[in-house]
Amino acid sequence: MIISYAGHSPAIDTDAWVAPDATISGDVVIGAGSRVMHGARLVAESGGSIRIGRNCIVLENAVIRATASHPCTIGNYCLIGPNSHMVGAEVGDEVFIATGAAVFHGAHIGRGSEVRINGIVHLRTRLEPGTVVPIGWIAVGDPAQLLPPDQHEAIWSRQKPLDFPGFVYGVDRNLPDVMQKITANLSVALGLHRTGNA
């Protein structure tokens, strides 16, 4: 399904292919030779943009999102695995994002890197070219530190200063009712889909 949103229509190269049950919404550009497979969702919210290079493969049920504050760019010859999730990141050429991996706002993934099955690249994290995030591990920080999932305290000590609520939603995590503020603001922003301004 190709959807115009907030005055932007997707631009899909004539040599690209999008499965009929995939969703491409908003300011999305897909390069020649790229393939977006069944159930994938590429959604550029109001003011956000997604750029997919040449010969990229976005596999089944992958989700790629962008917002006004966090555009998403994927270089050439990248493979985005099934059930993976990416939002507001910059991905270099020849990167492999495996099944179930997650890449968050403001992350930078250097050329030739791999984020293996269920790996995570946290917000504002920078992977140098050729970095491998092992299966199930977490990359966090700039420069990135790679940690196994059983190292919660070490991960949190690097993650907390990255300020997810402030960086992503502009909300101070120390305010009372922080989740109420985040969801109320997000409800308004996403309400454009409901009101027909999409």
N, C-alpha and C. Protein backbone atom coordinates (compact mmCIF):
# COMPACT_ATOMS: atom_id res chain seq x y z
N MET A 1 0.85 -1.17 0.00
CA MET A 1 0.00 0.00 0.00
C MET A 1 0.91 1.24 0.00
N ILE A 2 0.73 2.09 -0.95
CA ILE A 2 1.50 3.33 -1.08
C ILE A 2 0.59 4.46 -0.62
N ILE A 3 1.04 5.20 0.42
CA ILE A 3 0.17 6.20 1.05
C ILE A 3 0.86 7.56 1.06
N SER A 4 0.17 8.57 0.56
CA SER A 4 0.65 9.95 0.72
C SER A 4 0.33 10.38 2.15
N TYR A 5 1.23 11.16 2.72
CA TYR A 5 1.05 11.58 4.11
C TYR A 5 1.63 12.97 4.28
N ALA A 6 0.84 13.87 4.87
CA ALA A 6 1.26 15.24 5.16
C ALA A 6 1.87 15.91 3.94
N GLY A 7 1.25 15.70 2.78
CA GLY A 7 1.68 16.36 1.56
C GLY A 7 2.85 15.70 0.85
N HIS A 8 3.30 14.55 1.31
CA HIS A 8 4.43 13.84 0.69
C HIS A 8 3.97 12.49 0.18
N SER A 9 4.41 12.18 -1.03
CA SER A 9 4.11 10.87 -1.61
C SER A 9 5.41 10.10 -1.78
N PRO A 10 5.40 8.79 -1.56
CA PRO A 10 6.62 8.00 -1.77
C PRO A 10 7.10 8.09 -3.21
N ALA A 11 8.42 8.01 -3.38
CA ALA A 11 9.05 8.00 -4.69
C ALA A 11 9.82 6.68 -4.80
N ILE A 12 9.32 5.80 -5.65
CA ILE A 12 9.88 4.46 -5.78
C ILE A 12 10.44 4.31 -7.18
N ASP A 13 11.73 4.03 -7.27
CA ASP A 13 12.38 3.88 -8.57
C ASP A 13 11.65 2.81 -9.39
N THR A 14 11.61 3.00 -10.70
CA THR A 14 10.90 2.05 -11.56
C THR A 14 11.55 0.67 -11.54
N ASP A 15 12.82 0.59 -11.12
CA ASP A 15 13.50 -0.70 -11.04
C ASP A 15 13.43 -1.31 -9.64
N ALA A 16 12.73 -0.65 -8.70
CA ALA A 16 12.51 -1.21 -7.37
C ALA A 16 11.21 -1.99 -7.38
N TRP A 17 10.98 -2.77 -6.32
CA TRP A 17 9.72 -3.51 -6.20
C TRP A 17 9.27 -3.50 -4.75
N VAL A 18 7.97 -3.24 -4.57
CA VAL A 18 7.35 -3.22 -3.25
C VAL A 18 6.21 -4.23 -3.27
N ALA A 19 6.21 -5.15 -2.31
CA ALA A 19 5.15 -6.15 -2.23
C ALA A 19 3.80 -5.46 -2.02
N PRO A 20 2.75 -6.01 -2.57
CA PRO A 20 1.44 -5.36 -2.48
C PRO A 20 0.91 -5.23 -1.05
N ASP A 21 1.39 -6.05 -0.12
CA ASP A 21 0.93 -5.93 1.26
C ASP A 21 1.93 -5.22 2.17
N ALA A 22 2.96 -4.63 1.59
CA ALA A 22 3.86 -3.76 2.34
C ALA A 22 3.20 -2.38 2.42
N THR A 23 3.66 -1.55 3.36
CA THR A 23 3.15 -0.18 3.48
C THR A 23 4.31 0.79 3.33
N ILE A 24 4.15 1.74 2.41
CA ILE A 24 5.13 2.80 2.21
C ILE A 24 4.35 4.10 2.38
N SER A 25 4.69 4.89 3.41
CA SER A 25 3.88 6.05 3.75
C SER A 25 4.74 7.30 3.93
N GLY A 26 4.37 8.36 3.20
CA GLY A 26 5.00 9.66 3.40
C GLY A 26 6.23 9.88 2.54
N ASP A 27 7.17 10.67 3.05
CA ASP A 27 8.37 11.09 2.32
C ASP A 27 9.40 9.97 2.35
N VAL A 28 9.17 8.98 1.48
CA VAL A 28 10.03 7.80 1.39
C VAL A 28 10.55 7.72 -0.04
N VAL A 29 11.86 7.55 -0.19
CA VAL A 29 12.49 7.37 -1.49
C VAL A 29 13.17 6.01 -1.49
N ILE A 30 12.88 5.19 -2.50
CA ILE A 30 13.44 3.85 -2.61
C ILE A 30 14.20 3.76 -3.92
N GLY A 31 15.50 3.37 -3.83
CA GLY A 31 16.39 3.36 -4.98
C GLY A 31 16.23 2.15 -5.88
N ALA A 32 16.88 2.24 -7.03
CA ALA A 32 16.82 1.21 -8.06
C ALA A 32 17.31 -0.13 -7.53
N GLY A 33 16.63 -1.19 -7.93
CA GLY A 33 17.02 -2.54 -7.56
C GLY A 33 16.65 -2.95 -6.16
N SER A 34 16.07 -2.05 -5.39
CA SER A 34 15.69 -2.38 -4.02
C SER A 34 14.38 -3.15 -4.01
N ARG A 35 14.20 -3.96 -2.95
CA ARG A 35 13.01 -4.79 -2.82
C ARG A 35 12.48 -4.65 -1.40
N VAL A 36 11.18 -4.39 -1.29
CA VAL A 36 10.51 -4.30 0.00
C VAL A 36 9.50 -5.43 0.04
N MET A 37 9.73 -6.38 0.91
CA MET A 37 8.98 -7.63 0.89
C MET A 37 7.69 -7.55 1.71
N HIS A 38 6.96 -8.64 1.70
CA HIS A 38 5.62 -8.73 2.26
C HIS A 38 5.58 -8.32 3.74
N GLY A 39 4.61 -7.47 4.05
CA GLY A 39 4.36 -7.07 5.43
C GLY A 39 5.31 -6.02 5.98
N ALA A 40 6.29 -5.60 5.21
CA ALA A 40 7.21 -4.56 5.69
C ALA A 40 6.48 -3.23 5.79
N ARG A 41 6.92 -2.37 6.71
CA ARG A 41 6.30 -1.06 6.93
C ARG A 41 7.37 0.01 6.93
N LEU A 42 7.29 0.95 6.00
CA LEU A 42 8.19 2.10 5.94
C LEU A 42 7.33 3.33 6.11
N VAL A 43 7.44 4.00 7.25
CA VAL A 43 6.55 5.11 7.60
C VAL A 43 7.36 6.34 7.97
N ALA A 44 7.23 7.38 7.17
CA ALA A 44 7.85 8.67 7.46
C ALA A 44 6.77 9.58 8.02
N GLU A 45 6.81 9.80 9.32
CA GLU A 45 5.82 10.67 9.95
C GLU A 45 6.02 12.11 9.47
N SER A 46 5.07 12.98 9.77
CA SER A 46 5.06 14.36 9.31
C SER A 46 6.41 15.04 9.53
N GLY A 47 7.02 15.49 8.46
CA GLY A 47 8.31 16.17 8.53
C GLY A 47 9.49 15.23 8.51
N GLY A 48 9.25 13.94 8.62
CA GLY A 48 10.33 12.96 8.59
C GLY A 48 10.55 12.43 7.19
N SER A 49 11.71 11.81 6.97
CA SER A 49 12.00 11.25 5.66
C SER A 49 12.77 9.94 5.81
N ILE A 50 12.53 9.06 4.85
CA ILE A 50 13.26 7.79 4.76
C ILE A 50 13.89 7.74 3.38
N ARG A 51 15.18 7.41 3.33
CA ARG A 51 15.90 7.26 2.08
C ARG A 51 16.53 5.88 2.06
N ILE A 52 16.17 5.09 1.05
CA ILE A 52 16.71 3.74 0.89
C ILE A 52 17.52 3.76 -0.40
N GLY A 53 18.76 3.30 -0.33
CA GLY A 53 19.64 3.35 -1.49
C GLY A 53 19.35 2.27 -2.53
N ARG A 54 20.36 1.99 -3.35
CA ARG A 54 20.25 1.01 -4.43
C ARG A 54 20.45 -0.41 -3.91
N ASN A 55 19.71 -1.34 -4.51
CA ASN A 55 19.89 -2.77 -4.26
C ASN A 55 19.82 -3.13 -2.78
N CYS A 56 18.91 -2.50 -2.07
CA CYS A 56 18.65 -2.85 -0.67
C CYS A 56 17.50 -3.83 -0.61
N ILE A 57 17.55 -4.71 0.38
CA ILE A 57 16.50 -5.69 0.59
C ILE A 57 15.91 -5.45 1.97
N VAL A 58 14.60 -5.17 2.02
CA VAL A 58 13.88 -5.01 3.28
C VAL A 58 12.95 -6.21 3.36
N LEU A 59 13.26 -7.13 4.27
CA LEU A 59 12.55 -8.41 4.31
C LEU A 59 11.24 -8.33 5.09
N GLU A 60 10.54 -9.44 5.13
CA GLU A 60 9.19 -9.52 5.66
C GLU A 60 9.07 -8.95 7.07
N ASN A 61 8.05 -8.12 7.22
CA ASN A 61 7.64 -7.56 8.52
C ASN A 61 8.68 -6.65 9.18
N ALA A 62 9.68 -6.22 8.44
CA ALA A 62 10.60 -5.21 8.98
C ALA A 62 9.85 -3.88 9.09
N VAL A 63 10.24 -3.07 10.07
CA VAL A 63 9.63 -1.75 10.26
C VAL A 63 10.75 -0.71 10.22
N ILE A 64 10.58 0.28 9.36
CA ILE A 64 11.52 1.41 9.27
C ILE A 64 10.69 2.67 9.42
N ARG A 65 11.06 3.50 10.42
CA ARG A 65 10.29 4.70 10.71
C ARG A 65 11.20 5.91 10.76
N ALA A 66 10.60 7.07 10.53
CA ALA A 66 11.30 8.34 10.65
C ALA A 66 10.34 9.38 11.20
N THR A 67 10.90 10.35 11.91
CA THR A 67 10.12 11.47 12.42
C THR A 67 10.79 12.76 11.96
N ALA A 68 10.15 13.88 12.24
CA ALA A 68 10.72 15.16 11.85
C ALA A 68 12.10 15.37 12.48
N SER A 69 12.28 14.92 13.70
CA SER A 69 13.57 15.09 14.38
C SER A 69 14.58 14.01 14.04
N HIS A 70 14.10 12.90 13.49
CA HIS A 70 14.96 11.75 13.28
C HIS A 70 14.70 11.09 11.93
N PRO A 71 15.29 11.64 10.85
CA PRO A 71 15.16 11.00 9.55
C PRO A 71 15.90 9.66 9.55
N CYS A 72 15.60 8.84 8.57
CA CYS A 72 16.24 7.53 8.47
C CYS A 72 16.85 7.39 7.07
N THR A 73 18.13 7.03 7.03
CA THR A 73 18.83 6.87 5.76
C THR A 73 19.52 5.51 5.75
N ILE A 74 19.30 4.77 4.70
CA ILE A 74 19.94 3.47 4.52
C ILE A 74 20.72 3.54 3.22
N GLY A 75 22.00 3.20 3.28
CA GLY A 75 22.88 3.28 2.11
C GLY A 75 22.55 2.24 1.06
N ASN A 76 23.52 1.95 0.21
CA ASN A 76 23.37 0.98 -0.87
C ASN A 76 23.75 -0.43 -0.41
N TYR A 77 23.14 -1.43 -1.02
CA TYR A 77 23.50 -2.84 -0.80
C TYR A 77 23.34 -3.26 0.66
N CYS A 78 22.26 -2.84 1.29
CA CYS A 78 21.98 -3.21 2.68
C CYS A 78 20.87 -4.27 2.71
N LEU A 79 20.92 -5.10 3.75
CA LEU A 79 19.88 -6.09 3.96
C LEU A 79 19.29 -5.85 5.34
N ILE A 80 17.99 -5.62 5.37
CA ILE A 80 17.24 -5.37 6.60
C ILE A 80 16.39 -6.62 6.84
N GLY A 81 16.72 -7.36 7.89
CA GLY A 81 16.13 -8.68 8.11
C GLY A 81 14.69 -8.64 8.55
N PRO A 82 14.04 -9.81 8.48
CA PRO A 82 12.63 -9.90 8.87
C PRO A 82 12.44 -9.59 10.35
N ASN A 83 11.33 -8.95 10.64
CA ASN A 83 10.95 -8.59 12.02
C ASN A 83 11.96 -7.69 12.71
N SER A 84 12.78 -7.00 11.95
CA SER A 84 13.69 -6.03 12.54
C SER A 84 12.98 -4.69 12.64
N HIS A 85 13.57 -3.79 13.42
CA HIS A 85 12.96 -2.49 13.67
C HIS A 85 14.05 -1.42 13.63
N MET A 86 13.78 -0.37 12.86
CA MET A 86 14.74 0.73 12.76
C MET A 86 13.97 2.05 12.77
N VAL A 87 14.45 3.01 13.56
CA VAL A 87 13.81 4.32 13.58
C VAL A 87 14.87 5.41 13.68
N GLY A 88 14.80 6.36 12.77
CA GLY A 88 15.62 7.56 12.84
C GLY A 88 17.10 7.32 12.88
N ALA A 89 17.61 6.37 12.09
CA ALA A 89 19.02 6.02 12.11
C ALA A 89 19.68 6.33 10.76
N GLU A 90 21.01 6.37 10.78
CA GLU A 90 21.80 6.53 9.56
C GLU A 90 22.63 5.27 9.38
N VAL A 91 22.40 4.58 8.27
CA VAL A 91 23.04 3.30 8.02
C VAL A 91 23.89 3.43 6.75
N GLY A 92 25.16 3.07 6.86
CA GLY A 92 26.07 3.14 5.72
C GLY A 92 25.83 2.04 4.71
N ASP A 93 26.66 1.98 3.68
CA ASP A 93 26.55 0.97 2.63
C ASP A 93 26.92 -0.41 3.17
N GLU A 94 26.35 -1.44 2.55
CA GLU A 94 26.71 -2.83 2.77
C GLU A 94 26.57 -3.27 4.23
N VAL A 95 25.49 -2.83 4.87
CA VAL A 95 25.22 -3.17 6.27
C VAL A 95 24.18 -4.28 6.31
N PHE A 96 24.35 -5.20 7.26
CA PHE A 96 23.42 -6.30 7.48
C PHE A 96 22.76 -6.11 8.84
N ILE A 97 21.43 -5.93 8.83
CA ILE A 97 20.63 -5.86 10.05
C ILE A 97 19.82 -7.16 10.08
N ALA A 98 20.13 -8.04 11.02
CA ALA A 98 19.57 -9.40 11.00
C ALA A 98 18.16 -9.46 11.58
N THR A 99 17.58 -10.64 11.52
CA THR A 99 16.24 -10.92 12.03
C THR A 99 16.11 -10.44 13.48
N GLY A 100 15.06 -9.67 13.73
CA GLY A 100 14.74 -9.26 15.09
C GLY A 100 15.63 -8.19 15.68
N ALA A 101 16.55 -7.65 14.91
CA ALA A 101 17.43 -6.60 15.43
C ALA A 101 16.66 -5.28 15.56
N ALA A 102 17.18 -4.39 16.42
CA ALA A 102 16.56 -3.07 16.61
C ALA A 102 17.63 -2.00 16.57
N VAL A 103 17.34 -0.93 15.84
CA VAL A 103 18.26 0.21 15.71
C VAL A 103 17.45 1.46 16.02
N PHE A 104 17.95 2.26 16.99
CA PHE A 104 17.16 3.36 17.52
C PHE A 104 17.62 4.74 17.05
N HIS A 105 16.83 5.74 17.42
CA HIS A 105 16.98 7.15 17.03
C HIS A 105 18.43 7.64 17.16
N GLY A 106 18.89 8.30 16.11
CA GLY A 106 20.20 8.95 16.15
C GLY A 106 21.38 8.00 16.08
N ALA A 107 21.14 6.71 15.85
CA ALA A 107 22.24 5.76 15.71
C ALA A 107 22.91 5.95 14.35
N HIS A 108 24.21 5.69 14.31
CA HIS A 108 24.99 5.72 13.07
C HIS A 108 25.69 4.38 12.95
N ILE A 109 25.44 3.68 11.85
CA ILE A 109 26.03 2.37 11.63
C ILE A 109 26.95 2.47 10.43
N GLY A 110 28.24 2.25 10.67
CA GLY A 110 29.24 2.40 9.62
C GLY A 110 29.20 1.30 8.58
N ARG A 111 29.76 1.61 7.44
CA ARG A 111 29.80 0.72 6.28
C ARG A 111 30.28 -0.68 6.67
N GLY A 112 29.59 -1.69 6.12
CA GLY A 112 30.02 -3.06 6.30
C GLY A 112 29.78 -3.64 7.68
N SER A 113 29.03 -2.97 8.51
CA SER A 113 28.76 -3.48 9.85
C SER A 113 27.66 -4.53 9.81
N GLU A 114 27.58 -5.31 10.90
CA GLU A 114 26.53 -6.32 11.05
C GLU A 114 25.92 -6.19 12.43
N VAL A 115 24.59 -6.18 12.47
CA VAL A 115 23.86 -6.28 13.72
C VAL A 115 23.16 -7.62 13.64
N ARG A 116 23.68 -8.59 14.36
CA ARG A 116 23.21 -9.96 14.21
C ARG A 116 21.88 -10.19 14.92
N ILE A 117 21.34 -11.41 14.83
CA ILE A 117 20.00 -11.74 15.29
C ILE A 117 19.74 -11.17 16.68
N ASN A 118 18.64 -10.42 16.80
CA ASN A 118 18.18 -9.81 18.05
C ASN A 118 19.19 -8.84 18.67
N GLY A 119 20.15 -8.39 17.91
CA GLY A 119 21.07 -7.37 18.39
C GLY A 119 20.37 -6.02 18.49
N ILE A 120 20.93 -5.13 19.31
CA ILE A 120 20.35 -3.81 19.51
C ILE A 120 21.44 -2.76 19.36
N VAL A 121 21.13 -1.72 18.60
CA VAL A 121 21.98 -0.53 18.53
C VAL A 121 21.16 0.59 19.13
N HIS A 122 21.59 1.04 20.31
CA HIS A 122 20.79 2.00 21.06
C HIS A 122 20.86 3.40 20.46
N LEU A 123 19.96 4.27 20.95
CA LEU A 123 19.92 5.62 20.43
C LEU A 123 21.27 6.31 20.63
N ARG A 124 21.59 7.21 19.68
CA ARG A 124 22.79 8.03 19.73
C ARG A 124 24.07 7.20 19.84
N THR A 125 24.02 5.99 19.31
CA THR A 125 25.16 5.09 19.34
C THR A 125 25.83 5.09 17.98
N ARG A 126 27.14 5.05 17.97
CA ARG A 126 27.90 5.08 16.72
C ARG A 126 28.73 3.81 16.59
N LEU A 127 28.45 3.06 15.51
CA LEU A 127 29.25 1.88 15.17
C LEU A 127 30.24 2.27 14.09
N GLU A 128 31.51 2.03 14.35
CA GLU A 128 32.54 2.27 13.34
C GLU A 128 32.36 1.29 12.19
N PRO A 129 32.85 1.60 11.00
CA PRO A 129 32.73 0.66 9.88
C PRO A 129 33.27 -0.72 10.26
N GLY A 130 32.55 -1.74 9.81
CA GLY A 130 32.97 -3.11 10.02
C GLY A 130 32.68 -3.68 11.40
N THR A 131 31.94 -2.96 12.23
CA THR A 131 31.62 -3.45 13.57
C THR A 131 30.60 -4.59 13.49
N VAL A 132 30.76 -5.57 14.37
CA VAL A 132 29.79 -6.66 14.48
C VAL A 132 29.18 -6.61 15.88
N VAL A 133 27.85 -6.51 15.93
CA VAL A 133 27.13 -6.64 17.19
C VAL A 133 26.70 -8.11 17.27
N PRO A 134 27.24 -8.87 18.23
CA PRO A 134 26.94 -10.30 18.30
C PRO A 134 25.46 -10.59 18.56
N ILE A 135 25.07 -11.83 18.33
CA ILE A 135 23.69 -12.27 18.53
C ILE A 135 23.22 -11.88 19.93
N GLY A 136 22.13 -11.10 19.96
CA GLY A 136 21.50 -10.72 21.23
C GLY A 136 22.23 -9.67 22.04
N TRP A 137 23.35 -9.16 21.56
CA TRP A 137 24.11 -8.17 22.33
C TRP A 137 23.57 -6.77 22.09
N ILE A 138 24.05 -5.83 22.89
CA ILE A 138 23.61 -4.43 22.84
C ILE A 138 24.82 -3.54 22.59
N ALA A 139 24.70 -2.65 21.59
CA ALA A 139 25.71 -1.62 21.35
C ALA A 139 25.15 -0.32 21.91
N VAL A 140 25.94 0.36 22.73
CA VAL A 140 25.45 1.59 23.35
C VAL A 140 26.60 2.58 23.52
N GLY A 141 26.33 3.83 23.12
CA GLY A 141 27.28 4.91 23.33
C GLY A 141 28.03 5.33 22.07
N ASP A 142 28.79 6.41 22.21
CA ASP A 142 29.60 6.96 21.13
C ASP A 142 30.95 7.35 21.72
N PRO A 143 31.96 6.48 21.53
CA PRO A 143 31.96 5.29 20.69
C PRO A 143 31.17 4.15 21.33
N ALA A 144 30.73 3.22 20.50
CA ALA A 144 29.88 2.13 20.99
C ALA A 144 30.68 1.19 21.87
N GLN A 145 30.03 0.76 22.93
CA GLN A 145 30.52 -0.35 23.74
C GLN A 145 29.56 -1.50 23.48
N LEU A 146 30.10 -2.71 23.25
CA LEU A 146 29.29 -3.88 22.99
C LEU A 146 29.19 -4.70 24.26
N LEU A 147 27.95 -4.98 24.68
CA LEU A 147 27.72 -5.66 25.95
C LEU A 147 26.71 -6.78 25.79
N PRO A 148 26.89 -7.89 26.51
CA PRO A 148 25.90 -8.97 26.47
C PRO A 148 24.66 -8.55 27.26
N PRO A 149 23.53 -9.17 26.96
CA PRO A 149 22.28 -8.74 27.59
C PRO A 149 22.22 -8.96 29.10
N ASP A 150 23.09 -9.79 29.65
CA ASP A 150 23.06 -10.02 31.10
C ASP A 150 23.83 -8.95 31.89
N GLN A 151 24.30 -7.93 31.20
CA GLN A 151 25.06 -6.85 31.85
C GLN A 151 24.19 -5.60 31.99
N HIS A 152 23.01 -5.74 32.56
CA HIS A 152 22.05 -4.64 32.60
C HIS A 152 22.62 -3.39 33.25
N GLU A 153 23.28 -3.50 34.37
CA GLU A 153 23.79 -2.31 35.06
C GLU A 153 24.82 -1.57 34.21
N ALA A 154 25.69 -2.31 33.54
CA ALA A 154 26.68 -1.68 32.66
C ALA A 154 26.00 -1.01 31.47
N ILE A 155 25.00 -1.68 30.91
CA ILE A 155 24.26 -1.09 29.78
C ILE A 155 23.55 0.17 30.23
N TRP A 156 22.85 0.11 31.36
CA TRP A 156 22.09 1.25 31.85
C TRP A 156 23.01 2.43 32.18
N SER A 157 24.19 2.17 32.69
CA SER A 157 25.11 3.26 33.04
C SER A 157 25.53 4.05 31.81
N ARG A 158 25.57 3.39 30.65
CA ARG A 158 25.88 4.09 29.40
C ARG A 158 24.63 4.60 28.71
N GLN A 159 23.51 3.90 28.91
CA GLN A 159 22.26 4.26 28.23
C GLN A 159 21.58 5.47 28.86
N LYS A 160 21.54 5.52 30.18
CA LYS A 160 20.79 6.58 30.86
C LYS A 160 21.19 7.98 30.41
N PRO A 161 22.51 8.30 30.31
CA PRO A 161 22.87 9.66 29.88
C PRO A 161 22.49 9.99 28.43
N LEU A 162 22.16 8.97 27.64
CA LEU A 162 21.71 9.22 26.27
C LEU A 162 20.31 9.81 26.23
N ASP A 163 19.58 9.71 27.35
CA ASP A 163 18.31 10.41 27.57
C ASP A 163 17.25 10.10 26.53
N PHE A 164 16.80 8.85 26.52
CA PHE A 164 15.77 8.45 25.56
C PHE A 164 14.54 9.35 25.58
N PRO A 165 13.89 9.63 26.74
CA PRO A 165 12.67 10.45 26.70
C PRO A 165 12.92 11.87 26.20
N GLY A 166 14.06 12.44 26.57
CA GLY A 166 14.37 13.80 26.12
C GLY A 166 14.74 13.85 24.65
N PHE A 167 15.61 12.93 24.21
CA PHE A 167 16.10 12.93 22.84
C PHE A 167 15.01 12.58 21.84
N VAL A 168 14.18 11.62 22.18
CA VAL A 168 13.17 11.14 21.24
C VAL A 168 11.88 11.95 21.34
N TYR A 169 11.43 12.25 22.56
CA TYR A 169 10.11 12.85 22.74
C TYR A 169 10.15 14.25 23.32
N GLY A 170 11.33 14.77 23.66
CA GLY A 170 11.42 16.12 24.20
C GLY A 170 10.79 16.27 25.57
N VAL A 171 10.81 15.19 26.35
CA VAL A 171 10.18 15.19 27.68
C VAL A 171 11.24 14.83 28.72
N ASP A 172 11.30 15.60 29.79
CA ASP A 172 12.23 15.36 30.89
C ASP A 172 11.76 14.14 31.68
N ARG A 173 12.62 13.11 31.75
CA ARG A 173 12.25 11.87 32.43
C ARG A 173 11.99 12.06 33.92
N ASN A 174 12.46 13.18 34.49
CA ASN A 174 12.29 13.43 35.91
C ASN A 174 10.97 14.11 36.26
N LEU A 175 10.21 14.51 35.25
CA LEU A 175 8.91 15.13 35.50
C LEU A 175 7.92 14.08 35.97
N PRO A 176 6.95 14.49 36.79
CA PRO A 176 5.90 13.53 37.16
C PRO A 176 5.06 13.19 35.92
N ASP A 177 4.53 12.01 35.91
CA ASP A 177 3.62 11.57 34.83
C ASP A 177 4.29 11.61 33.46
N VAL A 178 5.56 11.21 33.40
CA VAL A 178 6.31 11.30 32.15
C VAL A 178 5.63 10.49 31.04
N MET A 179 5.11 9.31 31.33
CA MET A 179 4.46 8.52 30.28
C MET A 179 3.16 9.16 29.81
N GLN A 180 2.47 9.85 30.68
CA GLN A 180 1.26 10.56 30.26
C GLN A 180 1.62 11.67 29.27
N LYS A 181 2.71 12.38 29.54
CA LYS A 181 3.13 13.46 28.63
C LYS A 181 3.58 12.90 27.28
N ILE A 182 4.37 11.82 27.32
CA ILE A 182 4.85 11.23 26.07
C ILE A 182 3.69 10.74 25.23
N THR A 183 2.80 9.97 25.81
CA THR A 183 1.72 9.39 25.02
C THR A 183 0.71 10.43 24.56
N ALA A 184 0.45 11.47 25.36
CA ALA A 184 -0.47 12.53 24.93
C ALA A 184 0.11 13.27 23.72
N ASN A 185 1.40 13.62 23.78
CA ASN A 185 2.04 14.31 22.65
C ASN A 185 2.06 13.42 21.41
N LEU A 186 2.38 12.16 21.60
CA LEU A 186 2.44 11.24 20.47
C LEU A 186 1.06 11.00 19.87
N SER A 187 0.05 10.96 20.71
CA SER A 187 -1.32 10.80 20.23
C SER A 187 -1.71 11.95 19.31
N VAL A 188 -1.35 13.17 19.68
CA VAL A 188 -1.65 14.34 18.83
C VAL A 188 -0.91 14.22 17.50
N ALA A 189 0.37 13.92 17.56
CA ALA A 189 1.17 13.82 16.34
C ALA A 189 0.65 12.73 15.41
N LEU A 190 0.36 11.58 15.96
CA LEU A 190 -0.11 10.46 15.15
C LEU A 190 -1.58 10.61 14.76
N GLY A 191 -2.29 11.52 15.40
CA GLY A 191 -3.69 11.78 15.08
C GLY A 191 -3.90 12.27 13.66
N LEU A 192 -2.84 12.76 13.02
CA LEU A 192 -2.97 13.18 11.62
C LEU A 192 -3.45 12.04 10.74
N HIS A 193 -3.06 10.82 11.09
CA HIS A 193 -3.53 9.67 10.31
C HIS A 193 -5.06 9.55 10.37
N ARG A 194 -5.62 9.81 11.56
CA ARG A 194 -7.06 9.65 11.78
C ARG A 194 -7.87 10.78 11.17
N THR A 195 -7.33 11.98 11.19
CA THR A 195 -8.11 13.16 10.78
C THR A 195 -8.12 13.41 9.28
N GLY A 196 -7.42 12.57 8.54
CA GLY A 196 -7.44 12.75 7.09
C GLY A 196 -6.37 13.70 6.58
N ASN A 197 -5.50 14.18 7.46
CA ASN A 197 -4.39 15.01 7.00
C ASN A 197 -3.24 14.17 6.51
N ALA A 198 -3.42 12.88 6.54
CA ALA A 198 -2.37 11.98 6.08
C ALA A 198 -2.31 11.97 4.57
